[in-house]
Amino acid sequence: MLYDTGARLSEILLLKRKDLDLITTEPYVWLHGKGNKQRIVPLMDK
């Protein structure tokens, strides 16, 4: 996850189960970054 999302460690450790959407046709993760900014990062199939 650190590599595939390019996320900061703090962003990965803040991840909760609800931040993942693996059912949609284009799976993604919600990351909570610096300054309470959020962004969507797509996830690779593997």
ModelCIF file with pLDDT and N, C-alpha, C, O atoms, coordinates in Angstrom:
data_MODEL
#
_entry.id   MODEL 
#
_entity.id                         1 
_entity.type                       polymer 
_entity.pdbx_number_of_molecules   1 
#
_entity_poly.entity_id                      1 
_entity_poly.type                           'polypeptide(L)' 
_entity_poly.nstd_linkage                   no 
_entity_poly.nstd_monomer                   no 
_entity_poly.pdbx_seq_one_letter_code       MLYDTGARLSEILLLKRKDLDLITTEPYVWLHGKGNKQRIVPLMDK 
_entity_poly.pdbx_seq_one_letter_code_can   MLYDTGARLSEILLLKRKDLDLITTEPYVWLHGKGNKQRIVPLMDK 
_entity_poly.pdbx_strand_id                 A 
#
loop_
_entity_poly_seq.entity_id 
_entity_poly_seq.num 
_entity_poly_seq.mon_id 
_entity_poly_seq.hetero 
1 1  MET n 
1 2  LEU n 
1 3  TYR n 
1 4  ASP n 
1 5  THR n 
1 6  GLY n 
1 7  ALA n 
1 8  ARG n 
1 9  LEU n 
1 10 SER n 
1 11 GLU n 
1 12 ILE n 
1 13 LEU n 
1 14 LEU n 
1 15 LEU n 
1 16 LYS n 
1 17 ARG n 
1 18 LYS n 
1 19 ASP n 
1 20 LEU n 
1 21 ASP n 
1 22 LEU n 
1 23 ILE n 
1 24 THR n 
1 25 THR n 
1 26 GLU n 
1 27 PRO n 
1 28 TYR n 
1 29 VAL n 
1 30 TRP n 
1 31 LEU n 
1 32 HIS n 
1 33 GLY n 
1 34 LYS n 
1 35 GLY n 
1 36 ASN n 
1 37 LYS n 
1 38 GLN n 
1 39 ARG n 
1 40 ILE n 
1 41 VAL n 
1 42 PRO n 
1 43 LEU n 
1 44 MET n 
1 45 ASP n 
1 46 LYS n 
#
_struct_asym.id          A 
_struct_asym.entity_id   1 
#
loop_
_ma_qa_metric.id 
_ma_qa_metric.mode 
_ma_qa_metric.name 
_ma_qa_metric.software_group_id 
_ma_qa_metric.type 
1 global pLDDT . pLDDT 
2 local  pLDDT . pLDDT 
#
_ma_qa_metric_global.metric_id      1 
_ma_qa_metric_global.metric_value   90.26 
_ma_qa_metric_global.model_id       1 
_ma_qa_metric_global.ordinal_id     1 
#
loop_
_ma_qa_metric_local.label_asym_id 
_ma_qa_metric_local.label_comp_id 
_ma_qa_metric_local.label_seq_id 
_ma_qa_metric_local.metric_id 
_ma_qa_metric_local.metric_value 
_ma_qa_metric_local.model_id 
_ma_qa_metric_local.ordinal_id 
A MET 1  2 97.00 1 1  
A LEU 2  2 96.00 1 2  
A TYR 3  2 95.00 1 3  
A ASP 4  2 94.00 1 4  
A THR 5  2 93.00 1 5  
A GLY 6  2 92.00 1 6  
A ALA 7  2 93.00 1 7  
A ARG 8  2 93.00 1 8  
A LEU 9  2 94.00 1 9  
A SER 10 2 91.00 1 10 
A GLU 11 2 94.00 1 11 
A ILE 12 2 96.00 1 12 
A LEU 13 2 95.00 1 13 
A LEU 14 2 93.00 1 14 
A LEU 15 2 95.00 1 15 
A LYS 16 2 93.00 1 16 
A ARG 17 2 91.00 1 17 
A LYS 18 2 92.00 1 18 
A ASP 19 2 94.00 1 19 
A LEU 20 2 94.00 1 20 
A ASP 21 2 93.00 1 21 
A LEU 22 2 92.00 1 22 
A ILE 23 2 89.00 1 23 
A THR 24 2 88.00 1 24 
A THR 25 2 89.00 1 25 
A GLU 26 2 91.00 1 26 
A PRO 27 2 92.00 1 27 
A TYR 28 2 93.00 1 28 
A VAL 29 2 94.00 1 29 
A TRP 30 2 93.00 1 30 
A LEU 31 2 92.00 1 31 
A HIS 32 2 88.00 1 32 
A GLY 33 2 79.00 1 33 
A LYS 34 2 72.00 1 34 
A GLY 35 2 66.00 1 35 
A ASN 36 2 70.00 1 36 
A LYS 37 2 80.00 1 37 
A GLN 38 2 87.00 1 38 
A ARG 39 2 89.00 1 39 
A ILE 40 2 89.00 1 40 
A VAL 41 2 91.00 1 41 
A PRO 42 2 91.00 1 42 
A LEU 43 2 93.00 1 43 
A MET 44 2 91.00 1 44 
A ASP 45 2 92.00 1 45 
A LYS 46 2 93.00 1 46 
#
loop_
_atom_site.group_PDB 
_atom_site.id 
_atom_site.type_symbol 
_atom_site.label_atom_id 
_atom_site.label_alt_id 
_atom_site.label_comp_id 
_atom_site.label_asym_id 
_atom_site.label_entity_id 
_atom_site.label_seq_id 
_atom_site.pdbx_PDB_ins_code 
_atom_site.Cartn_x 
_atom_site.Cartn_y 
_atom_site.Cartn_z 
_atom_site.occupancy 
_atom_site.B_iso_or_equiv 
_atom_site.pdbx_formal_charge 
_atom_site.auth_seq_id 
_atom_site.auth_comp_id 
_atom_site.auth_asym_id 
_atom_site.auth_atom_id 
_atom_site.pdbx_PDB_model_num 
ATOM 1   N N  . MET A 1 1  ? 0.827   -1.203 0.000   1.00 97.00 ? 1  MET A N  1 
ATOM 2   C CA . MET A 1 1  ? 0.000   0.000  0.000   1.00 97.00 ? 1  MET A CA 1 
ATOM 3   C C  . MET A 1 1  ? 0.868   1.262  0.000   1.00 97.00 ? 1  MET A C  1 
ATOM 4   O O  . MET A 1 1  ? 0.539   2.242  -0.669  1.00 97.00 ? 1  MET A O  1 
ATOM 5   N N  . LEU A 1 2  ? 1.960   1.239  0.740   1.00 96.00 ? 2  LEU A N  1 
ATOM 6   C CA . LEU A 1 2  ? 2.877   2.378  0.733   1.00 96.00 ? 2  LEU A CA 1 
ATOM 7   C C  . LEU A 1 2  ? 3.372   2.656  -0.685  1.00 96.00 ? 2  LEU A C  1 
ATOM 8   O O  . LEU A 1 2  ? 3.455   3.809  -1.110  1.00 96.00 ? 2  LEU A O  1 
ATOM 9   N N  . TYR A 1 3  ? 3.698   1.595  -1.404  1.00 95.00 ? 3  TYR A N  1 
ATOM 10  C CA . TYR A 1 3  ? 4.240   1.774  -2.758  1.00 95.00 ? 3  TYR A CA 1 
ATOM 11  C C  . TYR A 1 3  ? 3.142   2.066  -3.777  1.00 95.00 ? 3  TYR A C  1 
ATOM 12  O O  . TYR A 1 3  ? 3.254   3.008  -4.561  1.00 95.00 ? 3  TYR A O  1 
ATOM 13  N N  . ASP A 1 4  ? 2.082   1.259  -3.766  1.00 94.00 ? 4  ASP A N  1 
ATOM 14  C CA . ASP A 1 4  ? 1.066   1.369  -4.817  1.00 94.00 ? 4  ASP A CA 1 
ATOM 15  C C  . ASP A 1 4  ? 0.331   2.703  -4.768  1.00 94.00 ? 4  ASP A C  1 
ATOM 16  O O  . ASP A 1 4  ? -0.025  3.253  -5.809  1.00 94.00 ? 4  ASP A O  1 
ATOM 17  N N  . THR A 1 5  ? 0.102   3.226  -3.562  1.00 93.00 ? 5  THR A N  1 
ATOM 18  C CA . THR A 1 5  ? -0.626  4.494  -3.444  1.00 93.00 ? 5  THR A CA 1 
ATOM 19  C C  . THR A 1 5  ? 0.309   5.697  -3.397  1.00 93.00 ? 5  THR A C  1 
ATOM 20  O O  . THR A 1 5  ? -0.138  6.830  -3.579  1.00 93.00 ? 5  THR A O  1 
ATOM 21  N N  . GLY A 1 6  ? 1.609   5.470  -3.154  1.00 92.00 ? 6  GLY A N  1 
ATOM 22  C CA . GLY A 1 6  ? 2.541   6.585  -3.005  1.00 92.00 ? 6  GLY A CA 1 
ATOM 23  C C  . GLY A 1 6  ? 2.208   7.440  -1.796  1.00 92.00 ? 6  GLY A C  1 
ATOM 24  O O  . GLY A 1 6  ? 2.536   8.626  -1.761  1.00 92.00 ? 6  GLY A O  1 
ATOM 25  N N  . ALA A 1 7  ? 1.556   6.844  -0.804  1.00 93.00 ? 7  ALA A N  1 
ATOM 26  C CA . ALA A 1 7  ? 1.081   7.605  0.351   1.00 93.00 ? 7  ALA A CA 1 
ATOM 27  C C  . ALA A 1 7  ? 2.179   7.809  1.389   1.00 93.00 ? 7  ALA A C  1 
ATOM 28  O O  . ALA A 1 7  ? 3.152   7.057  1.455   1.00 93.00 ? 7  ALA A O  1 
ATOM 29  N N  . ARG A 1 8  ? 1.994   8.840  2.188   1.00 93.00 ? 8  ARG A N  1 
ATOM 30  C CA . ARG A 1 8  ? 2.844   9.039  3.355   1.00 93.00 ? 8  ARG A CA 1 
ATOM 31  C C  . ARG A 1 8  ? 2.477   7.981  4.402   1.00 93.00 ? 8  ARG A C  1 
ATOM 32  O O  . ARG A 1 8  ? 1.359   7.466  4.406   1.00 93.00 ? 8  ARG A O  1 
ATOM 33  N N  . LEU A 1 9  ? 3.420   7.662  5.283   1.00 94.00 ? 9  LEU A N  1 
ATOM 34  C CA . LEU A 1 9  ? 3.147   6.666  6.314   1.00 94.00 ? 9  LEU A CA 1 
ATOM 35  C C  . LEU A 1 9  ? 1.962   7.080  7.177   1.00 94.00 ? 9  LEU A C  1 
ATOM 36  O O  . LEU A 1 9  ? 1.115   6.250  7.508   1.00 94.00 ? 9  LEU A O  1 
ATOM 37  N N  . SER A 1 10 ? 1.896   8.361  7.544   1.00 91.00 ? 10 SER A N  1 
ATOM 38  C CA . SER A 1 10 ? 0.789   8.830  8.384   1.00 91.00 ? 10 SER A CA 1 
ATOM 39  C C  . SER A 1 10 ? -0.556  8.605  7.696   1.00 91.00 ? 10 SER A C  1 
ATOM 40  O O  . SER A 1 10 ? -1.548  8.313  8.364   1.00 91.00 ? 10 SER A O  1 
ATOM 41  N N  . GLU A 1 11 ? -0.602  8.736  6.369   1.00 94.00 ? 11 GLU A N  1 
ATOM 42  C CA . GLU A 1 11 ? -1.839  8.536  5.620   1.00 94.00 ? 11 GLU A CA 1 
ATOM 43  C C  . GLU A 1 11 ? -2.254  7.065  5.628   1.00 94.00 ? 11 GLU A C  1 
ATOM 44  O O  . GLU A 1 11 ? -3.440  6.749  5.713   1.00 94.00 ? 11 GLU A O  1 
ATOM 45  N N  . ILE A 1 12 ? -1.275  6.173  5.540   1.00 96.00 ? 12 ILE A N  1 
ATOM 46  C CA . ILE A 1 12 ? -1.573  4.741  5.555   1.00 96.00 ? 12 ILE A CA 1 
ATOM 47  C C  . ILE A 1 12 ? -2.068  4.312  6.931   1.00 96.00 ? 12 ILE A C  1 
ATOM 48  O O  . ILE A 1 12 ? -3.010  3.527  7.036   1.00 96.00 ? 12 ILE A O  1 
ATOM 49  N N  . LEU A 1 13 ? -1.440  4.823  7.983   1.00 95.00 ? 13 LEU A N  1 
ATOM 50  C CA . LEU A 1 13 ? -1.814  4.410  9.333   1.00 95.00 ? 13 LEU A CA 1 
ATOM 51  C C  . LEU A 1 13 ? -3.171  4.992  9.750   1.00 95.00 ? 13 LEU A C  1 
ATOM 52  O O  . LEU A 1 13 ? -3.809  4.475  10.667  1.00 95.00 ? 13 LEU A O  1 
ATOM 53  N N  . LEU A 1 14 ? -3.611  6.057  9.086   1.00 93.00 ? 14 LEU A N  1 
ATOM 54  C CA . LEU A 1 14 ? -4.928  6.630  9.372   1.00 93.00 ? 14 LEU A CA 1 
ATOM 55  C C  . LEU A 1 14 ? -6.055  5.922  8.628   1.00 93.00 ? 14 LEU A C  1 
ATOM 56  O O  . LEU A 1 14 ? -7.230  6.153  8.913   1.00 93.00 ? 14 LEU A O  1 
ATOM 57  N N  . LEU A 1 15 ? -5.701  5.061  7.679   1.00 95.00 ? 15 LEU A N  1 
ATOM 58  C CA . LEU A 1 15 ? -6.717  4.388  6.870   1.00 95.00 ? 15 LEU A CA 1 
ATOM 59  C C  . LEU A 1 15 ? -7.641  3.534  7.725   1.00 95.00 ? 15 LEU A C  1 
ATOM 60  O O  . LEU A 1 15 ? -7.196  2.796  8.603   1.00 95.00 ? 15 LEU A O  1 
ATOM 61  N N  . LYS A 1 16 ? -8.933  3.649  7.450   1.00 93.00 ? 16 LYS A N  1 
ATOM 62  C CA . LYS A 1 16 ? -9.927  2.788  8.089   1.00 93.00 ? 16 LYS A CA 1 
ATOM 63  C C  . LYS A 1 16 ? -10.604 1.938  7.010   1.00 93.00 ? 16 LYS A C  1 
ATOM 64  O O  . LYS A 1 16 ? -10.496 2.208  5.814   1.00 93.00 ? 16 LYS A O  1 
ATOM 65  N N  . ARG A 1 17 ? -11.286 0.930  7.466   1.00 91.00 ? 17 ARG A N  1 
ATOM 66  C CA . ARG A 1 17 ? -11.942 0.012  6.521   1.00 91.00 ? 17 ARG A CA 1 
ATOM 67  C C  . ARG A 1 17 ? -12.876 0.768  5.570   1.00 91.00 ? 17 ARG A C  1 
ATOM 68  O O  . ARG A 1 17 ? -13.003 0.403  4.401   1.00 91.00 ? 17 ARG A O  1 
ATOM 69  N N  . LYS A 1 18 ? -13.525 1.820  6.072   1.00 92.00 ? 18 LYS A N  1 
ATOM 70  C CA . LYS A 1 18 ? -14.487 2.569  5.269   1.00 92.00 ? 18 LYS A CA 1 
ATOM 71  C C  . LYS A 1 18 ? -13.828 3.383  4.162   1.00 92.00 ? 18 LYS A C  1 
ATOM 72  O O  . LYS A 1 18 ? -14.510 3.836  3.243   1.00 92.00 ? 18 LYS A O  1 
ATOM 73  N N  . ASP A 1 19 ? -12.501 3.578  4.237   1.00 94.00 ? 19 ASP A N  1 
ATOM 74  C CA . ASP A 1 19 ? -11.798 4.393  3.238   1.00 94.00 ? 19 ASP A CA 1 
ATOM 75  C C  . ASP A 1 19 ? -11.494 3.625  1.952   1.00 94.00 ? 19 ASP A C  1 
ATOM 76  O O  . ASP A 1 19 ? -10.972 4.199  0.996   1.00 94.00 ? 19 ASP A O  1 
ATOM 77  N N  . LEU A 1 20 ? -11.815 2.345  1.925   1.00 94.00 ? 20 LEU A N  1 
ATOM 78  C CA . LEU A 1 20 ? -11.574 1.521  0.741   1.00 94.00 ? 20 LEU A CA 1 
ATOM 79  C C  . LEU A 1 20 ? -12.886 1.237  0.022   1.00 94.00 ? 20 LEU A C  1 
ATOM 80  O O  . LEU A 1 20 ? -13.901 0.927  0.647   1.00 94.00 ? 20 LEU A O  1 
ATOM 81  N N  . ASP A 1 21 ? -12.847 1.348  -1.287  1.00 93.00 ? 21 ASP A N  1 
ATOM 82  C CA . ASP A 1 21 ? -13.974 0.904  -2.113  1.00 93.00 ? 21 ASP A CA 1 
ATOM 83  C C  . ASP A 1 21 ? -13.413 -0.074 -3.139  1.00 93.00 ? 21 ASP A C  1 
ATOM 84  O O  . ASP A 1 21 ? -12.835 0.321  -4.152  1.00 93.00 ? 21 ASP A O  1 
ATOM 85  N N  . LEU A 1 22 ? -13.601 -1.362 -2.848  1.00 92.00 ? 22 LEU A N  1 
ATOM 86  C CA . LEU A 1 22 ? -13.035 -2.411 -3.703  1.00 92.00 ? 22 LEU A CA 1 
ATOM 87  C C  . LEU A 1 22 ? -14.087 -3.066 -4.585  1.00 92.00 ? 22 LEU A C  1 
ATOM 88  O O  . LEU A 1 22 ? -13.774 -3.954 -5.377  1.00 92.00 ? 22 LEU A O  1 
ATOM 89  N N  . ILE A 1 23 ? -15.343 -2.625 -4.449  1.00 89.00 ? 23 ILE A N  1 
ATOM 90  C CA . ILE A 1 23 ? -16.431 -3.254 -5.204  1.00 89.00 ? 23 ILE A CA 1 
ATOM 91  C C  . ILE A 1 23 ? -16.678 -2.548 -6.526  1.00 89.00 ? 23 ILE A C  1 
ATOM 92  O O  . ILE A 1 23 ? -17.076 -3.190 -7.498  1.00 89.00 ? 23 ILE A O  1 
ATOM 93  N N  . THR A 1 24 ? -16.455 -1.255 -6.586  1.00 88.00 ? 24 THR A N  1 
ATOM 94  C CA . THR A 1 24 ? -16.702 -0.484 -7.795  1.00 88.00 ? 24 THR A CA 1 
ATOM 95  C C  . THR A 1 24 ? -15.840 -0.980 -8.960  1.00 88.00 ? 24 THR A C  1 
ATOM 96  O O  . THR A 1 24 ? -14.861 -1.697 -8.755  1.00 88.00 ? 24 THR A O  1 
ATOM 97  N N  . THR A 1 25 ? -16.210 -0.593 -10.174 1.00 89.00 ? 25 THR A N  1 
ATOM 98  C CA . THR A 1 25 ? -15.449 -1.030 -11.350 1.00 89.00 ? 25 THR A CA 1 
ATOM 99  C C  . THR A 1 25 ? -14.043 -0.441 -11.369 1.00 89.00 ? 25 THR A C  1 
ATOM 100 O O  . THR A 1 25 ? -13.138 -1.003 -11.986 1.00 89.00 ? 25 THR A O  1 
ATOM 101 N N  . GLU A 1 26 ? -13.860 0.685  -10.697 1.00 91.00 ? 26 GLU A N  1 
ATOM 102 C CA . GLU A 1 26 ? -12.537 1.303  -10.592 1.00 91.00 ? 26 GLU A CA 1 
ATOM 103 C C  . GLU A 1 26 ? -12.208 1.496  -9.109  1.00 91.00 ? 26 GLU A C  1 
ATOM 104 O O  . GLU A 1 26 ? -12.433 2.575  -8.562  1.00 91.00 ? 26 GLU A O  1 
ATOM 105 N N  . PRO A 1 27 ? -11.682 0.468  -8.465  1.00 92.00 ? 27 PRO A N  1 
ATOM 106 C CA . PRO A 1 27 ? -11.421 0.519  -7.018  1.00 92.00 ? 27 PRO A CA 1 
ATOM 107 C C  . PRO A 1 27 ? -10.484 1.664  -6.640  1.00 92.00 ? 27 PRO A C  1 
ATOM 108 O O  . PRO A 1 27 ? -9.590  2.031  -7.403  1.00 92.00 ? 27 PRO A O  1 
ATOM 109 N N  . TYR A 1 28 ? -10.703 2.216  -5.459  1.00 93.00 ? 28 TYR A N  1 
ATOM 110 C CA . TYR A 1 28 ? -9.895  3.351  -5.015  1.00 93.00 ? 28 TYR A CA 1 
ATOM 111 C C  . TYR A 1 28 ? -9.813  3.373  -3.490  1.00 93.00 ? 28 TYR A C  1 
ATOM 112 O O  . TYR A 1 28 ? -10.505 2.624  -2.801  1.00 93.00 ? 28 TYR A O  1 
ATOM 113 N N  . VAL A 1 29 ? -8.951  4.253  -2.983  1.00 94.00 ? 29 VAL A N  1 
ATOM 114 C CA . VAL A 1 29 ? -8.815  4.464  -1.557  1.00 94.00 ? 29 VAL A CA 1 
ATOM 115 C C  . VAL A 1 29 ? -8.846  5.966  -1.280  1.00 94.00 ? 29 VAL A C  1 
ATOM 116 O O  . VAL A 1 29 ? -8.293  6.763  -2.038  1.00 94.00 ? 29 VAL A O  1 
ATOM 117 N N  . TRP A 1 30 ? -9.502  6.337  -0.180  1.00 93.00 ? 30 TRP A N  1 
ATOM 118 C CA . TRP A 1 30 ? -9.513  7.729  0.276   1.00 93.00 ? 30 TRP A CA 1 
ATOM 119 C C  . TRP A 1 30 ? -8.317  7.926  1.201   1.00 93.00 ? 30 TRP A C  1 
ATOM 120 O O  . TRP A 1 30 ? -8.179  7.218  2.199   1.00 93.00 ? 30 TRP A O  1 
ATOM 121 N N  . LEU A 1 31 ? -7.459  8.877  0.875   1.00 92.00 ? 31 LEU A N  1 
ATOM 122 C CA . LEU A 1 31 ? -6.323  9.193  1.734   1.00 92.00 ? 31 LEU A CA 1 
ATOM 123 C C  . LEU A 1 31 ? -6.553  10.542 2.409   1.00 92.00 ? 31 LEU A C  1 
ATOM 124 O O  . LEU A 1 31 ? -7.040  11.488 1.789   1.00 92.00 ? 31 LEU A O  1 
ATOM 125 N N  . HIS A 1 32 ? -6.196  10.612 3.683   1.00 88.00 ? 32 HIS A N  1 
ATOM 126 C CA . HIS A 1 32 ? -6.347  11.844 4.458   1.00 88.00 ? 32 HIS A CA 1 
ATOM 127 C C  . HIS A 1 32 ? -4.959  12.421 4.667   1.00 88.00 ? 32 HIS A C  1 
ATOM 128 O O  . HIS A 1 32 ? -4.189  11.929 5.492   1.00 88.00 ? 32 HIS A O  1 
ATOM 129 N N  . GLY A 1 33 ? -4.641  13.476 3.907   1.00 79.00 ? 33 GLY A N  1 
ATOM 130 C CA . GLY A 1 33 ? -3.285  14.001 3.870   1.00 79.00 ? 33 GLY A CA 1 
ATOM 131 C C  . GLY A 1 33 ? -3.044  15.171 4.793   1.00 79.00 ? 33 GLY A C  1 
ATOM 132 O O  . GLY A 1 33 ? -3.797  15.407 5.738   1.00 79.00 ? 33 GLY A O  1 
ATOM 133 N N  . LYS A 1 34 ? -1.970  15.908 4.501   1.00 72.00 ? 34 LYS A N  1 
ATOM 134 C CA . LYS A 1 34 ? -1.579  17.057 5.317   1.00 72.00 ? 34 LYS A CA 1 
ATOM 135 C C  . LYS A 1 34 ? -2.655  18.138 5.262   1.00 72.00 ? 34 LYS A C  1 
ATOM 136 O O  . LYS A 1 34 ? -3.310  18.340 4.239   1.00 72.00 ? 34 LYS A O  1 
ATOM 137 N N  . GLY A 1 35 ? -2.816  18.822 6.383   1.00 66.00 ? 35 GLY A N  1 
ATOM 138 C CA . GLY A 1 35 ? -3.785  19.907 6.434   1.00 66.00 ? 35 GLY A CA 1 
ATOM 139 C C  . GLY A 1 35 ? -5.215  19.446 6.245   1.00 66.00 ? 35 GLY A C  1 
ATOM 140 O O  . GLY A 1 35 ? -6.059  20.194 5.750   1.00 66.00 ? 35 GLY A O  1 
ATOM 141 N N  . ASN A 1 36 ? -5.491  18.189 6.648   1.00 70.00 ? 36 ASN A N  1 
ATOM 142 C CA . ASN A 1 36 ? -6.832  17.607 6.539   1.00 70.00 ? 36 ASN A CA 1 
ATOM 143 C C  . ASN A 1 36 ? -7.333  17.548 5.096   1.00 70.00 ? 36 ASN A C  1 
ATOM 144 O O  . ASN A 1 36 ? -8.539  17.496 4.855   1.00 70.00 ? 36 ASN A O  1 
ATOM 145 N N  . LYS A 1 37 ? -6.402  17.558 4.139   1.00 80.00 ? 37 LYS A N  1 
ATOM 146 C CA . LYS A 1 37 ? -6.794  17.446 2.738   1.00 80.00 ? 37 LYS A CA 1 
ATOM 147 C C  . LYS A 1 37 ? -6.998  15.967 2.388   1.00 80.00 ? 37 LYS A C  1 
ATOM 148 O O  . LYS A 1 37 ? -6.266  15.091 2.846   1.00 80.00 ? 37 LYS A O  1 
ATOM 149 N N  . GLN A 1 38 ? -8.006  15.729 1.572   1.00 87.00 ? 38 GLN A N  1 
ATOM 150 C CA . GLN A 1 38 ? -8.313  14.356 1.174   1.00 87.00 ? 38 GLN A CA 1 
ATOM 151 C C  . GLN A 1 38 ? -8.142  14.206 -0.324  1.00 87.00 ? 38 GLN A C  1 
ATOM 152 O O  . GLN A 1 38 ? -8.316  15.158 -1.084  1.00 87.00 ? 38 GLN A O  1 
ATOM 153 N N  . ARG A 1 39 ? -7.800  12.998 -0.737  1.00 89.00 ? 39 ARG A N  1 
ATOM 154 C CA . ARG A 1 39 ? -7.688  12.721 -2.167  1.00 89.00 ? 39 ARG A CA 1 
ATOM 155 C C  . ARG A 1 39 ? -8.011  11.252 -2.431  1.00 89.00 ? 39 ARG A C  1 
ATOM 156 O O  . ARG A 1 39 ? -7.847  10.395 -1.562  1.00 89.00 ? 39 ARG A O  1 
ATOM 157 N N  . ILE A 1 40 ? -8.466  10.988 -3.627  1.00 89.00 ? 40 ILE A N  1 
ATOM 158 C CA . ILE A 1 40 ? -8.768  9.618  -4.053  1.00 89.00 ? 40 ILE A CA 1 
ATOM 159 C C  . ILE A 1 40 ? -7.600  9.104  -4.876  1.00 89.00 ? 40 ILE A C  1 
ATOM 160 O O  . ILE A 1 40 ? -7.122  9.783  -5.785  1.00 89.00 ? 40 ILE A O  1 
ATOM 161 N N  . VAL A 1 41 ? -7.146  7.901  -4.552  1.00 91.00 ? 41 VAL A N  1 
ATOM 162 C CA . VAL A 1 41 ? -6.059  7.275  -5.301  1.00 91.00 ? 41 VAL A CA 1 
ATOM 163 C C  . VAL A 1 41 ? -6.550  5.928  -5.826  1.00 91.00 ? 41 VAL A C  1 
ATOM 164 O O  . VAL A 1 41 ? -7.003  5.097  -5.039  1.00 91.00 ? 41 VAL A O  1 
ATOM 165 N N  . PRO A 1 42 ? -6.471  5.695  -7.128  1.00 91.00 ? 42 PRO A N  1 
ATOM 166 C CA . PRO A 1 42 ? -6.910  4.404  -7.677  1.00 91.00 ? 42 PRO A CA 1 
ATOM 167 C C  . PRO A 1 42 ? -5.986  3.280  -7.242  1.00 91.00 ? 42 PRO A C  1 
ATOM 168 O O  . PRO A 1 42 ? -4.803  3.499  -6.983  1.00 91.00 ? 42 PRO A O  1 
ATOM 169 N N  . LEU A 1 43 ? -6.534  2.078  -7.165  1.00 93.00 ? 43 LEU A N  1 
ATOM 170 C CA . LEU A 1 43 ? -5.757  0.909  -6.762  1.00 93.00 ? 43 LEU A CA 1 
ATOM 171 C C  . LEU A 1 43 ? -5.580  -0.026 -7.953  1.00 93.00 ? 43 LEU A C  1 
ATOM 172 O O  . LEU A 1 43 ? -6.503  -0.222 -8.743  1.00 93.00 ? 43 LEU A O  1 
ATOM 173 N N  . MET A 1 44 ? -4.402  -0.592 -8.073  1.00 91.00 ? 44 MET A N  1 
ATOM 174 C CA . MET A 1 44 ? -4.123  -1.530 -9.142  1.00 91.00 ? 44 MET A CA 1 
ATOM 175 C C  . MET A 1 44 ? -4.830  -2.872 -8.883  1.00 91.00 ? 44 MET A C  1 
ATOM 176 O O  . MET A 1 44 ? -5.106  -3.222 -7.735  1.00 91.00 ? 44 MET A O  1 
ATOM 177 N N  . ASP A 1 45 ? -5.118  -3.610 -9.952  1.00 92.00 ? 45 ASP A N  1 
ATOM 178 C CA . ASP A 1 45 ? -5.897  -4.847 -9.832  1.00 92.00 ? 45 ASP A CA 1 
ATOM 179 C C  . ASP A 1 45 ? -5.256  -5.856 -8.879  1.00 92.00 ? 45 ASP A C  1 
ATOM 180 O O  . ASP A 1 45 ? -5.946  -6.481 -8.074  1.00 92.00 ? 45 ASP A O  1 
ATOM 181 N N  . LYS A 1 46 ? -3.929  -6.011 -8.975  1.00 93.00 ? 46 LYS A N  1 
ATOM 182 C CA . LYS A 1 46 ? -3.255  -6.971 -8.109  1.00 93.00 ? 46 LYS A CA 1 
ATOM 183 C C  . LYS A 1 46 ? -3.356  -6.551 -6.650  1.00 93.00 ? 46 LYS A C  1 
ATOM 184 O O  . LYS A 1 46 ? -2.843  -7.243 -5.771  1.00 93.00 ? 46 LYS A O  1 
#
